[in-house]
Amino acid sequence: MEKAIYDFKRVMQDLAGLSKNQKRILEMLNIKPDMPTKEIAEMVFGKIVEYKSKEYASVHRSLISLEKQGYIKRVQIQLRWRKANQ
């Protein structure tokens, strides 16, 4: 029980350092574990997102950051992302 509480606190501390978009992306990948960047961007912003838009670039930066932190991984070389533990 004590270990579970410690693990929960550690996870919450890790998530505390994430941006609002990064947390939203992780929540979406929990629901649908394999999504392309464009689809993630459209769900985050709630509108159609073009590839060369600032919204797309923002989500892409968040995805790269989450990948470096080990939360997600790139699927093949495509613009698809998946939770790291799957």
C-alpha atoms as a PDB file:
ATOM      1  CA  MET A   1       0.000   0.000   0.000  1.00  0.00           C
ATOM      2  CA  GLU A   2       2.798   2.390   0.923  1.00  0.00           C
ATOM      3  CA  LYS A   3       4.575   1.738  -2.383  1.00  0.00           C
ATOM      4  CA  ALA A   4       1.360   2.458  -4.318  1.00  0.00           C
ATOM      5  CA  ILE A   5       1.007   5.809  -2.541  1.00  0.00           C
ATOM      6  CA  TYR A   6       4.643   6.631  -3.307  1.00  0.00           C
ATOM      7  CA  ASP A   7       4.171   5.698  -6.992  1.00  0.00           C
ATOM      8  CA  PHE A   8       1.009   7.816  -7.210  1.00  0.00           C
ATOM      9  CA  LYS A   9       2.780  10.835  -5.701  1.00  0.00           C
ATOM     10  CA  ARG A  10       5.695  10.377  -8.108  1.00  0.00           C
ATOM     11  CA  VAL A  11       3.359  10.221 -11.117  1.00  0.00           C
ATOM     12  CA  MET A  12       1.506  13.346  -9.953  1.00  0.00           C
ATOM     13  CA  GLN A  13       4.819  15.201  -9.498  1.00  0.00           C
ATOM     14  CA  ASP A  14       5.893  14.155 -12.998  1.00  0.00           C
ATOM     15  CA  LEU A  15       2.611  15.338 -14.509  1.00  0.00           C
ATOM     16  CA  ALA A  16       2.806  18.632 -12.602  1.00  0.00           C
ATOM     17  CA  GLY A  17       5.715  19.645 -14.847  1.00  0.00           C
ATOM     18  CA  LEU A  18       3.718  19.140 -18.052  1.00  0.00           C
ATOM     19  CA  SER A  19       1.900  21.853 -19.979  1.00  0.00           C
ATOM     20  CA  LYS A  20      -1.878  21.916 -20.389  1.00  0.00           C
ATOM     21  CA  ASN A  21      -1.548  20.682 -23.985  1.00  0.00           C
ATOM     22  CA  GLN A  22       0.816  17.871 -22.985  1.00  0.00           C
ATOM     23  CA  LYS A  23      -1.617  16.639 -20.324  1.00  0.00           C
ATOM     24  CA  ARG A  24      -4.482  16.828 -22.823  1.00  0.00           C
ATOM     25  CA  ILE A  25      -2.452  14.836 -25.366  1.00  0.00           C
ATOM     26  CA  LEU A  26      -1.736  12.091 -22.804  1.00  0.00           C
ATOM     27  CA  GLU A  27      -5.431  11.933 -21.896  1.00  0.00           C
ATOM     28  CA  MET A  28      -6.374  11.539 -25.573  1.00  0.00           C
ATOM     29  CA  LEU A  29      -3.758   8.835 -26.108  1.00  0.00           C
ATOM     30  CA  ASN A  30      -5.217   6.948 -23.128  1.00  0.00           C
ATOM     31  CA  ILE A  31      -8.576   6.871 -24.933  1.00  0.00           C
ATOM     32  CA  LYS A  32      -7.306   6.299 -28.473  1.00  0.00           C
ATOM     33  CA  PRO A  33      -3.721   4.988 -28.250  1.00  0.00           C
ATOM     34  CA  ASP A  34      -2.612   5.486 -31.874  1.00  0.00           C
ATOM     35  CA  MET A  35      -3.227   8.883 -33.486  1.00  0.00           C
ATOM     36  CA  PRO A  36      -1.606  11.065 -36.162  1.00  0.00           C
ATOM     37  CA  THR A  37      -0.352  14.530 -35.224  1.00  0.00           C
ATOM     38  CA  LYS A  38      -3.046  16.322 -37.244  1.00  0.00           C
ATOM     39  CA  GLU A  39      -5.841  14.454 -35.475  1.00  0.00           C
ATOM     40  CA  ILE A  40      -4.295  15.194 -32.066  1.00  0.00           C
ATOM     41  CA  ALA A  41      -3.991  18.895 -32.965  1.00  0.00           C
ATOM     42  CA  GLU A  42      -7.626  19.030 -34.081  1.00  0.00           C
ATOM     43  CA  MET A  43      -8.789  17.438 -30.839  1.00  0.00           C
ATOM     44  CA  VAL A  44      -6.646  19.747 -28.688  1.00  0.00           C
ATOM     45  CA  PHE A  45      -7.870  22.919 -30.402  1.00  0.00           C
ATOM     46  CA  GLY A  46     -11.384  21.735 -31.313  1.00  0.00           C
ATOM     47  CA  LYS A  47     -11.205  22.871 -34.929  1.00  0.00           C
ATOM     48  CA  ILE A  48      -9.735  21.906 -38.304  1.00  0.00           C
ATOM     49  CA  VAL A  49      -5.950  22.396 -38.174  1.00  0.00           C
ATOM     50  CA  GLU A  50      -3.765  22.874 -41.247  1.00  0.00           C
ATOM     51  CA  TYR A  51      -0.269  21.358 -41.383  1.00  0.00           C
ATOM     52  CA  LYS A  52       1.586  24.687 -41.506  1.00  0.00           C
ATOM     53  CA  SER A  53      -0.446  26.408 -38.785  1.00  0.00           C
ATOM     54  CA  LYS A  54       0.750  27.617 -35.395  1.00  0.00           C
ATOM     55  CA  GLU A  55      -1.641  25.133 -33.715  1.00  0.00           C
ATOM     56  CA  TYR A  56      -0.088  22.188 -35.561  1.00  0.00           C
ATOM     57  CA  ALA A  57       3.432  23.406 -34.697  1.00  0.00           C
ATOM     58  CA  SER A  58       2.482  23.808 -31.033  1.00  0.00           C
ATOM     59  CA  VAL A  59       1.148  20.254 -30.784  1.00  0.00           C
ATOM     60  CA  HIS A  60       4.166  18.912 -32.652  1.00  0.00           C
ATOM     61  CA  ARG A  61       6.510  20.604 -30.134  1.00  0.00           C
ATOM     62  CA  SER A  62       4.493  19.098 -27.276  1.00  0.00           C
ATOM     63  CA  LEU A  63       4.711  15.638 -28.858  1.00  0.00           C
ATOM     64  CA  ILE A  64       8.480  15.888 -29.313  1.00  0.00           C
ATOM     65  CA  SER A  65       8.859  16.987 -25.680  1.00  0.00           C
ATOM     66  CA  LEU A  66       6.680  14.092 -24.444  1.00  0.00           C
ATOM     67  CA  GLU A  67       8.745  11.692 -26.562  1.00  0.00           C
ATOM     68  CA  LYS A  68      12.017  12.970 -25.055  1.00  0.00           C
ATOM     69  CA  GLN A  69      10.542  12.534 -21.555  1.00  0.00           C
ATOM     70  CA  GLY A  70       9.548   8.935 -22.365  1.00  0.00           C
ATOM     71  CA  TYR A  71       5.765   9.389 -22.121  1.00  0.00           C
ATOM     72  CA  ILE A  72       5.050   8.553 -25.760  1.00  0.00           C
ATOM     73  CA  LYS A  73       6.821   7.059 -28.748  1.00  0.00           C
ATOM     74  CA  ARG A  74       6.699   7.662 -32.472  1.00  0.00           C
ATOM     75  CA  VAL A  75       5.089   4.841 -34.435  1.00  0.00           C
ATOM     76  CA  GLN A  76       7.459   3.851 -37.234  1.00  0.00           C
ATOM     77  CA  ILE A  77       8.554   6.986 -39.084  1.00  0.00           C
ATOM     78  CA  GLN A  78       5.004   8.192 -39.653  1.00  0.00           C
ATOM     79  CA  LEU A  79       3.446  11.162 -37.918  1.00  0.00           C
ATOM     80  CA  ARG A  80       1.670   8.787 -35.537  1.00  0.00           C
ATOM     81  CA  TRP A  81       2.145   8.638 -31.774  1.00  0.00           C
ATOM     82  CA  ARG A  82       1.467   6.002 -29.128  1.00  0.00           C
ATOM     83  CA  LYS A  83       1.751   5.824 -25.345  1.00  0.00           C
ATOM     84  CA  ALA A  84       5.227   4.504 -24.466  1.00  0.00           C
ATOM     85  CA  ASN A  85       4.106   1.581 -22.302  1.00  0.00           C
ATOM     86  CA  GLN A  86       2.090  -0.121 -25.055  1.00  0.00           C
END
